C-alpha cells in the first residue's frame, strides 16, 4: 500500500506492508537503533534481554506494518484496536532516514486508515520524547491526560 497522501509529499516514496515472521529480527535491530537513546534517558542502561521481550510483546499484541523506501525496510508502525479506537503503540524509523518525512507519513497513513472507519486515533508519547510530542500536536492530536511517564493524546477521525 502506498502512502501518497496529498499532505505528505515528503514521504511519497514510502510504502507500507504488513510485517511477517521474517521481519522479527530486523524489528529488534530497528528498535535498538531508533529508541536506545530514549530508553536510556528515560529508564537507565539498555538491557538487551528486556528490550527483546518488549519488542516480542509488541509483535505478538499488535498489527505490525513495515515502512519501506526503495523496497528496503526503514521503519515500523505498531497498531492495536482497543475500545473502538485505533491505538498507535509505536512508530520507529531508522536514524539514517529520520528527518525525511517518513514518521509524519506513517502517522498520516494511520490517521487516514482510522478515518475510513470513523475511528479516533490515540497514543501515548514518552515525556522525554519532546520531538515526537511536538509532531503529534502539529498533526492535530490533542492532550487528553498524562501518566507519570507519558502524555496521552488523541486525534478525532479525519473528515
N, C-alpha and C. Protein backbone atom coordinates (compact mmCIF):
# COMPACT_ATOMS: atom_id res chain seq x y z
N UNK A 1 0.85 -1.18 0.00
CA UNK A 1 0.00 0.00 0.00
C UNK A 1 0.89 1.23 0.00
N UNK A 2 0.64 2.10 -0.87
CA UNK A 2 1.45 3.31 -0.98
C UNK A 2 0.89 4.39 -0.07
N UNK A 3 1.75 5.26 0.35
CA UNK A 3 1.36 6.36 1.23
C UNK A 3 1.44 7.67 0.47
N UNK A 4 0.68 7.81 -0.58
CA UNK A 4 0.72 9.02 -1.39
C UNK A 4 -0.38 9.98 -0.96
N UNK A 5 -0.35 10.38 0.25
CA UNK A 5 -1.32 11.32 0.80
C UNK A 5 -0.98 12.71 0.29
N UNK A 6 -1.98 13.49 -0.15
CA UNK A 6 -1.68 14.82 -0.68
C UNK A 6 -0.95 15.72 0.31
N UNK A 7 -1.16 15.52 1.61
CA UNK A 7 -0.47 16.34 2.60
C UNK A 7 0.95 15.86 2.84
N UNK A 8 1.35 14.80 2.16
CA UNK A 8 2.59 14.13 2.53
C UNK A 8 3.55 13.96 1.37
N UNK A 9 3.85 15.04 0.69
CA UNK A 9 4.74 14.96 -0.47
C UNK A 9 6.12 14.46 -0.11
N UNK A 10 6.60 14.75 1.10
CA UNK A 10 7.95 14.34 1.50
C UNK A 10 8.10 12.83 1.55
N UNK A 11 7.06 12.10 1.85
CA UNK A 11 7.16 10.66 2.03
C UNK A 11 6.47 9.90 0.90
N UNK A 12 6.31 10.53 -0.26
CA UNK A 12 5.61 9.88 -1.36
C UNK A 12 6.24 8.57 -1.78
N UNK A 13 7.53 8.43 -1.57
CA UNK A 13 8.21 7.21 -1.98
C UNK A 13 8.09 6.11 -0.94
N UNK A 14 7.41 6.35 0.15
CA UNK A 14 7.24 5.35 1.20
C UNK A 14 6.10 4.40 0.85
N UNK A 15 6.32 3.13 1.10
CA UNK A 15 5.25 2.15 1.01
C UNK A 15 5.10 1.49 2.37
N UNK A 16 3.93 0.91 2.59
CA UNK A 16 3.63 0.25 3.85
C UNK A 16 3.17 -1.16 3.54
N UNK A 17 3.74 -2.13 4.24
CA UNK A 17 3.32 -3.52 4.07
C UNK A 17 3.17 -4.17 5.44
N UNK A 18 2.39 -5.22 5.48
CA UNK A 18 2.22 -5.98 6.72
C UNK A 18 3.51 -6.74 7.02
N UNK A 19 3.93 -6.70 8.27
CA UNK A 19 5.13 -7.43 8.68
C UNK A 19 4.85 -8.93 8.67
N UNK A 20 5.91 -9.70 8.49
CA UNK A 20 5.78 -11.16 8.59
C UNK A 20 6.88 -11.70 9.50
N UNK A 21 6.89 -13.00 9.70
CA UNK A 21 7.85 -13.62 10.63
C UNK A 21 9.30 -13.29 10.28
N UNK A 22 9.59 -13.16 9.01
CA UNK A 22 10.96 -12.88 8.58
C UNK A 22 11.44 -11.51 9.06
N UNK A 23 10.53 -10.63 9.46
CA UNK A 23 10.88 -9.28 9.90
C UNK A 23 11.26 -9.21 11.38
N UNK A 24 11.03 -10.25 12.14
CA UNK A 24 11.18 -10.17 13.61
C UNK A 24 12.56 -9.72 14.05
N UNK A 25 13.61 -10.32 13.52
CA UNK A 25 14.96 -9.93 13.91
C UNK A 25 15.26 -8.49 13.55
N UNK A 26 14.81 -8.09 12.36
CA UNK A 26 15.04 -6.72 11.92
C UNK A 26 14.28 -5.73 12.81
N UNK A 27 13.09 -6.10 13.27
CA UNK A 27 12.32 -5.20 14.13
C UNK A 27 13.07 -4.90 15.43
N UNK A 28 13.77 -5.88 15.97
CA UNK A 28 14.57 -5.61 17.17
C UNK A 28 15.73 -4.68 16.84
N UNK A 29 16.41 -4.93 15.73
CA UNK A 29 17.51 -4.05 15.32
C UNK A 29 17.02 -2.62 15.14
N UNK A 30 15.86 -2.47 14.51
CA UNK A 30 15.26 -1.15 14.33
C UNK A 30 15.00 -0.51 15.69
N UNK A 31 14.41 -1.26 16.60
CA UNK A 31 14.09 -0.72 17.92
C UNK A 31 15.36 -0.22 18.63
N UNK A 32 16.40 -1.02 18.56
CA UNK A 32 17.65 -0.62 19.22
C UNK A 32 18.21 0.65 18.60
N UNK A 33 18.22 0.72 17.28
CA UNK A 33 18.77 1.91 16.61
C UNK A 33 17.90 3.14 16.83
N UNK A 34 16.58 2.97 16.77
CA UNK A 34 15.67 4.11 16.83
C UNK A 34 15.38 4.59 18.25
N UNK A 35 15.42 3.69 19.23
CA UNK A 35 14.96 4.07 20.56
C UNK A 35 15.95 3.87 21.70
N UNK A 36 17.12 3.39 21.42
CA UNK A 36 18.06 3.13 22.51
C UNK A 36 18.32 4.38 23.35
N UNK A 37 18.60 5.50 22.71
CA UNK A 37 18.92 6.71 23.48
C UNK A 37 17.72 7.17 24.30
N UNK A 38 16.51 7.06 23.77
CA UNK A 38 15.32 7.44 24.52
C UNK A 38 15.14 6.51 25.72
N UNK A 39 15.30 5.21 25.52
CA UNK A 39 15.17 4.26 26.62
C UNK A 39 16.19 4.55 27.71
N UNK A 40 17.42 4.84 27.31
CA UNK A 40 18.46 5.12 28.30
C UNK A 40 18.20 6.42 29.05
N UNK A 41 17.67 7.44 28.36
CA UNK A 41 17.33 8.70 29.04
C UNK A 41 16.20 8.49 30.04
N UNK A 42 15.23 7.67 29.66
CA UNK A 42 14.05 7.50 30.50
C UNK A 42 14.22 6.47 31.61
N UNK A 43 14.96 5.40 31.32
CA UNK A 43 14.97 4.26 32.24
C UNK A 43 16.36 3.83 32.71
N UNK A 44 17.41 4.40 32.16
CA UNK A 44 18.75 3.97 32.54
C UNK A 44 19.33 3.02 31.50
N UNK A 45 20.31 2.21 31.90
CA UNK A 45 21.03 1.37 30.93
C UNK A 45 20.12 0.46 30.11
N UNK A 46 20.51 0.27 28.88
CA UNK A 46 19.82 -0.62 27.93
C UNK A 46 20.11 -2.07 28.32
N UNK A 47 19.08 -2.88 28.38
CA UNK A 47 19.24 -4.31 28.66
C UNK A 47 18.65 -5.09 27.49
N UNK A 48 19.53 -5.76 26.73
CA UNK A 48 19.09 -6.47 25.53
C UNK A 48 17.92 -7.42 25.81
N UNK A 49 18.04 -8.24 26.83
CA UNK A 49 17.00 -9.24 27.09
C UNK A 49 15.65 -8.57 27.37
N UNK A 50 15.67 -7.52 28.16
CA UNK A 50 14.43 -6.80 28.48
C UNK A 50 13.84 -6.17 27.22
N UNK A 51 14.67 -5.54 26.40
CA UNK A 51 14.18 -4.89 25.19
C UNK A 51 13.73 -5.91 24.15
N UNK A 52 14.38 -7.05 24.08
CA UNK A 52 13.92 -8.11 23.17
C UNK A 52 12.53 -8.58 23.59
N UNK A 53 12.30 -8.69 24.89
CA UNK A 53 10.97 -9.04 25.39
C UNK A 53 9.94 -7.98 25.06
N UNK A 54 10.34 -6.71 25.16
CA UNK A 54 9.45 -5.61 24.82
C UNK A 54 9.03 -5.69 23.36
N UNK A 55 10.00 -5.88 22.46
CA UNK A 55 9.69 -5.96 21.03
C UNK A 55 8.86 -7.20 20.74
N UNK A 56 9.17 -8.32 21.38
CA UNK A 56 8.39 -9.54 21.17
C UNK A 56 6.93 -9.32 21.56
N UNK A 57 6.70 -8.65 22.69
CA UNK A 57 5.33 -8.35 23.12
C UNK A 57 4.64 -7.43 22.11
N UNK A 58 5.36 -6.43 21.61
CA UNK A 58 4.77 -5.54 20.60
C UNK A 58 4.33 -6.34 19.37
N UNK A 59 5.19 -7.23 18.91
CA UNK A 59 4.89 -8.02 17.72
C UNK A 59 3.71 -8.96 17.98
N UNK A 60 3.68 -9.55 19.16
CA UNK A 60 2.62 -10.51 19.49
C UNK A 60 1.26 -9.85 19.70
N UNK A 61 1.24 -8.61 20.18
CA UNK A 61 -0.01 -7.98 20.61
C UNK A 61 -0.54 -6.91 19.67
N UNK A 62 0.16 -6.63 18.58
CA UNK A 62 -0.22 -5.53 17.70
C UNK A 62 -0.23 -5.96 16.24
N UNK A 63 -0.90 -5.15 15.42
CA UNK A 63 -0.73 -5.24 13.98
C UNK A 63 0.58 -4.51 13.69
N UNK A 64 1.46 -5.13 12.94
CA UNK A 64 2.77 -4.54 12.68
C UNK A 64 2.91 -4.30 11.19
N UNK A 65 3.31 -3.09 10.84
CA UNK A 65 3.50 -2.69 9.45
C UNK A 65 4.92 -2.21 9.26
N UNK A 66 5.49 -2.57 8.13
CA UNK A 66 6.85 -2.17 7.80
C UNK A 66 6.79 -1.00 6.82
N UNK A 67 7.54 0.05 7.12
CA UNK A 67 7.69 1.19 6.22
C UNK A 67 8.87 0.90 5.32
N UNK A 68 8.68 1.06 4.03
CA UNK A 68 9.76 0.81 3.08
C UNK A 68 9.98 2.01 2.18
N UNK A 69 11.23 2.18 1.80
CA UNK A 69 11.60 3.15 0.78
C UNK A 69 12.55 2.41 -0.15
N UNK A 70 12.29 2.50 -1.44
CA UNK A 70 13.08 1.78 -2.44
C UNK A 70 13.16 0.29 -2.11
N UNK A 71 12.05 -0.26 -1.67
CA UNK A 71 11.90 -1.69 -1.35
C UNK A 71 12.80 -2.15 -0.20
N UNK A 72 13.28 -1.23 0.61
CA UNK A 72 14.11 -1.56 1.77
C UNK A 72 13.36 -1.13 3.04
N UNK A 73 13.36 -1.96 4.08
CA UNK A 73 12.68 -1.57 5.32
C UNK A 73 13.43 -0.42 6.00
N UNK A 74 12.67 0.59 6.38
CA UNK A 74 13.26 1.76 7.03
C UNK A 74 12.54 2.14 8.32
N UNK A 75 11.44 1.47 8.62
CA UNK A 75 10.70 1.80 9.82
C UNK A 75 9.57 0.82 10.06
N UNK A 76 8.85 1.04 11.16
CA UNK A 76 7.73 0.17 11.52
C UNK A 76 6.68 0.96 12.28
N UNK A 77 5.45 0.49 12.16
CA UNK A 77 4.30 1.04 12.87
C UNK A 77 3.61 -0.12 13.58
N UNK A 78 3.27 0.09 14.85
CA UNK A 78 2.56 -0.91 15.65
C UNK A 78 1.20 -0.33 16.02
N UNK A 79 0.13 -1.03 15.64
CA UNK A 79 -1.24 -0.58 15.92
C UNK A 79 -2.01 -1.66 16.66
N UNK A 80 -2.97 -1.22 17.46
CA UNK A 80 -3.87 -2.16 18.11
C UNK A 80 -5.25 -1.51 18.22
N UNK A 81 -6.30 -2.31 18.04
CA UNK A 81 -7.67 -1.84 18.23
C UNK A 81 -8.01 -2.03 19.70
N UNK A 82 -8.47 -0.96 20.33
CA UNK A 82 -8.81 -1.02 21.74
C UNK A 82 -9.95 -0.04 22.01
N UNK A 83 -11.02 -0.53 22.61
CA UNK A 83 -12.15 0.33 23.00
C UNK A 83 -12.67 1.14 21.82
N UNK A 84 -12.84 0.51 20.68
CA UNK A 84 -13.37 1.15 19.46
C UNK A 84 -12.43 2.17 18.83
N UNK A 85 -11.25 2.33 19.38
CA UNK A 85 -10.28 3.29 18.86
C UNK A 85 -9.08 2.55 18.27
N UNK A 86 -8.33 3.26 17.45
CA UNK A 86 -7.06 2.76 16.95
C UNK A 86 -5.98 3.35 17.84
N UNK A 87 -5.18 2.50 18.44
CA UNK A 87 -4.06 2.95 19.28
C UNK A 87 -2.78 2.79 18.51
N UNK A 88 -2.07 3.88 18.37
CA UNK A 88 -0.75 3.87 17.76
C UNK A 88 0.23 3.58 18.89
N UNK A 89 0.68 2.33 18.94
CA UNK A 89 1.56 1.91 20.03
C UNK A 89 2.98 2.43 19.85
N UNK A 90 3.47 2.44 18.61
CA UNK A 90 4.85 2.85 18.39
C UNK A 90 5.09 3.09 16.91
N UNK A 91 5.87 4.12 16.62
CA UNK A 91 6.41 4.37 15.27
C UNK A 91 7.92 4.44 15.44
N UNK A 92 8.63 3.69 14.61
CA UNK A 92 10.09 3.73 14.64
C UNK A 92 10.61 3.89 13.23
N UNK A 93 11.60 4.75 13.07
CA UNK A 93 12.26 4.98 11.78
C UNK A 93 13.76 4.89 12.02
N UNK A 94 14.46 4.21 11.13
CA UNK A 94 15.92 4.14 11.24
C UNK A 94 16.50 5.54 11.33
N UNK A 95 17.49 5.76 12.19
CA UNK A 95 18.08 7.09 12.33
C UNK A 95 18.54 7.70 11.01
N UNK A 96 19.07 6.91 10.10
CA UNK A 96 19.56 7.45 8.83
C UNK A 96 18.42 7.93 7.93
N UNK A 97 17.17 7.60 8.27
CA UNK A 97 16.02 8.05 7.48
C UNK A 97 15.16 9.05 8.25
N UNK A 98 15.52 9.36 9.48
CA UNK A 98 14.75 10.33 10.25
C UNK A 98 14.95 11.72 9.65
N UNK A 99 13.94 12.55 9.80
CA UNK A 99 14.00 13.91 9.27
C UNK A 99 13.65 14.00 7.80
N UNK A 100 13.17 12.90 7.21
CA UNK A 100 12.83 12.88 5.79
C UNK A 100 11.32 12.76 5.57
N UNK A 101 10.54 12.95 6.62
CA UNK A 101 9.08 12.91 6.48
C UNK A 101 8.47 11.53 6.62
N UNK A 102 9.26 10.51 6.91
CA UNK A 102 8.71 9.16 7.00
C UNK A 102 7.86 8.96 8.24
N UNK A 103 8.29 9.51 9.37
CA UNK A 103 7.47 9.42 10.58
C UNK A 103 6.15 10.15 10.41
N UNK A 104 6.20 11.33 9.81
CA UNK A 104 4.98 12.08 9.53
C UNK A 104 4.11 11.32 8.54
N UNK A 105 4.74 10.76 7.51
CA UNK A 105 3.99 9.96 6.52
C UNK A 105 3.32 8.77 7.16
N UNK A 106 4.03 8.09 8.05
CA UNK A 106 3.45 6.94 8.75
C UNK A 106 2.28 7.38 9.62
N UNK A 107 2.44 8.48 10.33
CA UNK A 107 1.37 8.99 11.18
C UNK A 107 0.14 9.32 10.35
N UNK A 108 0.32 9.97 9.23
CA UNK A 108 -0.82 10.32 8.37
C UNK A 108 -1.46 9.08 7.77
N UNK A 109 -0.66 8.07 7.48
CA UNK A 109 -1.21 6.80 6.99
C UNK A 109 -2.13 6.19 8.05
N UNK A 110 -1.70 6.22 9.32
CA UNK A 110 -2.52 5.70 10.42
C UNK A 110 -3.81 6.50 10.54
N UNK A 111 -3.72 7.83 10.50
CA UNK A 111 -4.91 8.68 10.62
C UNK A 111 -5.88 8.44 9.48
N UNK A 112 -5.37 8.31 8.26
CA UNK A 112 -6.23 8.04 7.11
C UNK A 112 -6.91 6.68 7.26
N UNK A 113 -6.18 5.71 7.72
CA UNK A 113 -6.71 4.36 7.91
C UNK A 113 -7.84 4.37 8.94
N UNK A 114 -7.63 5.09 10.05
CA UNK A 114 -8.66 5.19 11.08
C UNK A 114 -9.88 5.97 10.57
N UNK A 115 -9.64 6.99 9.75
CA UNK A 115 -10.73 7.83 9.25
C UNK A 115 -11.69 7.04 8.37
N UNK A 116 -11.18 6.09 7.62
CA UNK A 116 -12.04 5.26 6.76
C UNK A 116 -13.13 4.60 7.59
N UNK A 117 -12.81 4.25 8.83
CA UNK A 117 -13.76 3.60 9.72
C UNK A 117 -14.38 4.57 10.73
N UNK A 118 -14.08 5.87 10.59
CA UNK A 118 -14.63 6.86 11.50
C UNK A 118 -14.15 6.70 12.94
N UNK A 119 -12.91 6.28 13.09
CA UNK A 119 -12.38 5.97 14.42
C UNK A 119 -11.38 7.01 14.90
N UNK A 120 -11.35 7.19 16.20
CA UNK A 120 -10.37 8.06 16.85
C UNK A 120 -9.04 7.33 16.94
N UNK A 121 -7.95 8.07 16.78
CA UNK A 121 -6.61 7.52 16.97
C UNK A 121 -6.07 8.04 18.29
N UNK A 122 -5.54 7.15 19.08
CA UNK A 122 -4.98 7.51 20.38
C UNK A 122 -3.54 7.02 20.46
N UNK A 123 -2.77 7.67 21.32
CA UNK A 123 -1.39 7.24 21.55
C UNK A 123 -0.92 7.79 22.87
N UNK A 124 0.19 7.25 23.31
CA UNK A 124 0.91 7.85 24.44
C UNK A 124 2.33 8.09 23.97
N UNK A 125 2.86 9.23 24.36
CA UNK A 125 4.23 9.58 23.97
C UNK A 125 5.02 9.84 25.25
N UNK A 126 6.20 9.28 25.29
CA UNK A 126 7.02 9.38 26.50
C UNK A 126 7.36 10.84 26.79
N UNK A 127 7.37 11.20 28.04
CA UNK A 127 7.65 12.58 28.45
C UNK A 127 9.01 13.08 27.97
N UNK A 128 9.98 12.18 27.81
CA UNK A 128 11.31 12.63 27.37
C UNK A 128 11.39 12.77 25.85
N UNK A 129 10.32 12.43 25.13
CA UNK A 129 10.33 12.47 23.67
C UNK A 129 9.62 13.73 23.17
N UNK A 130 10.22 14.88 23.43
CA UNK A 130 9.60 16.16 23.08
C UNK A 130 9.41 16.32 21.57
N UNK A 131 10.34 15.84 20.76
CA UNK A 131 10.20 15.98 19.31
C UNK A 131 8.95 15.26 18.81
N UNK A 132 8.73 14.04 19.27
CA UNK A 132 7.55 13.29 18.84
C UNK A 132 6.28 13.98 19.33
N UNK A 133 6.28 14.47 20.55
CA UNK A 133 5.10 15.14 21.08
C UNK A 133 4.76 16.38 20.24
N UNK A 134 5.77 17.15 19.88
CA UNK A 134 5.53 18.34 19.03
C UNK A 134 4.95 17.93 17.68
N UNK A 135 5.47 16.86 17.10
CA UNK A 135 4.95 16.37 15.82
C UNK A 135 3.48 15.99 15.96
N UNK A 136 3.14 15.23 16.98
CA UNK A 136 1.75 14.79 17.15
C UNK A 136 0.82 15.99 17.34
N UNK A 137 1.22 16.96 18.14
CA UNK A 137 0.39 18.14 18.34
C UNK A 137 0.25 18.93 17.05
N UNK A 138 1.32 19.06 16.28
CA UNK A 138 1.26 19.77 15.00
C UNK A 138 0.35 19.07 14.00
N UNK A 139 0.19 17.76 14.14
CA UNK A 139 -0.66 16.99 13.24
C UNK A 139 -2.10 16.89 13.73
N UNK A 140 -2.44 17.65 14.76
CA UNK A 140 -3.82 17.73 15.20
C UNK A 140 -4.21 16.88 16.39
N UNK A 141 -3.26 16.20 17.01
CA UNK A 141 -3.57 15.48 18.23
C UNK A 141 -3.79 16.48 19.35
N UNK A 142 -4.62 16.12 20.31
CA UNK A 142 -4.87 16.97 21.47
C UNK A 142 -4.54 16.19 22.73
N UNK A 143 -4.08 16.93 23.74
CA UNK A 143 -3.74 16.31 25.02
C UNK A 143 -5.01 15.81 25.68
N UNK A 144 -4.89 14.62 26.24
CA UNK A 144 -6.05 14.02 26.90
C UNK A 144 -5.75 13.68 28.36
N UNK A 145 -4.51 13.69 28.71
CA UNK A 145 -4.12 13.37 30.08
C UNK A 145 -2.66 13.00 30.12
N UNK A 146 -2.23 12.52 31.26
CA UNK A 146 -0.84 12.10 31.38
C UNK A 146 -0.70 11.10 32.51
N UNK A 147 0.38 10.35 32.42
CA UNK A 147 0.77 9.44 33.49
C UNK A 147 2.10 9.95 34.03
N UNK A 148 2.69 9.22 34.93
CA UNK A 148 3.99 9.64 35.46
C UNK A 148 5.08 9.59 34.39
N UNK A 149 4.86 8.83 33.31
CA UNK A 149 5.90 8.67 32.29
C UNK A 149 5.49 9.14 30.89
N UNK A 150 4.19 9.30 30.63
CA UNK A 150 3.73 9.56 29.26
C UNK A 150 2.66 10.66 29.20
N UNK A 151 2.61 11.32 28.05
CA UNK A 151 1.50 12.20 27.69
C UNK A 151 0.51 11.35 26.90
N UNK A 152 -0.78 11.49 27.16
CA UNK A 152 -1.82 10.77 26.44
C UNK A 152 -2.46 11.73 25.45
N UNK A 153 -2.52 11.33 24.19
CA UNK A 153 -3.03 12.20 23.13
C UNK A 153 -4.08 11.45 22.31
N UNK A 154 -4.97 12.23 21.70
CA UNK A 154 -5.96 11.63 20.81
C UNK A 154 -6.17 12.52 19.59
N UNK A 155 -6.61 11.89 18.52
CA UNK A 155 -6.92 12.60 17.28
C UNK A 155 -8.27 12.10 16.81
N UNK A 156 -9.28 13.00 16.75
CA UNK A 156 -10.59 12.56 16.27
C UNK A 156 -10.49 12.14 14.81
N UNK A 157 -11.48 11.39 14.32
CA UNK A 157 -11.43 10.95 12.92
C UNK A 157 -11.31 12.13 11.97
N UNK A 158 -10.53 11.96 10.92
CA UNK A 158 -10.42 12.98 9.88
C UNK A 158 -11.73 13.05 9.11
N UNK A 159 -11.99 14.20 8.52
CA UNK A 159 -13.15 14.25 7.65
C UNK A 159 -14.11 15.31 7.95
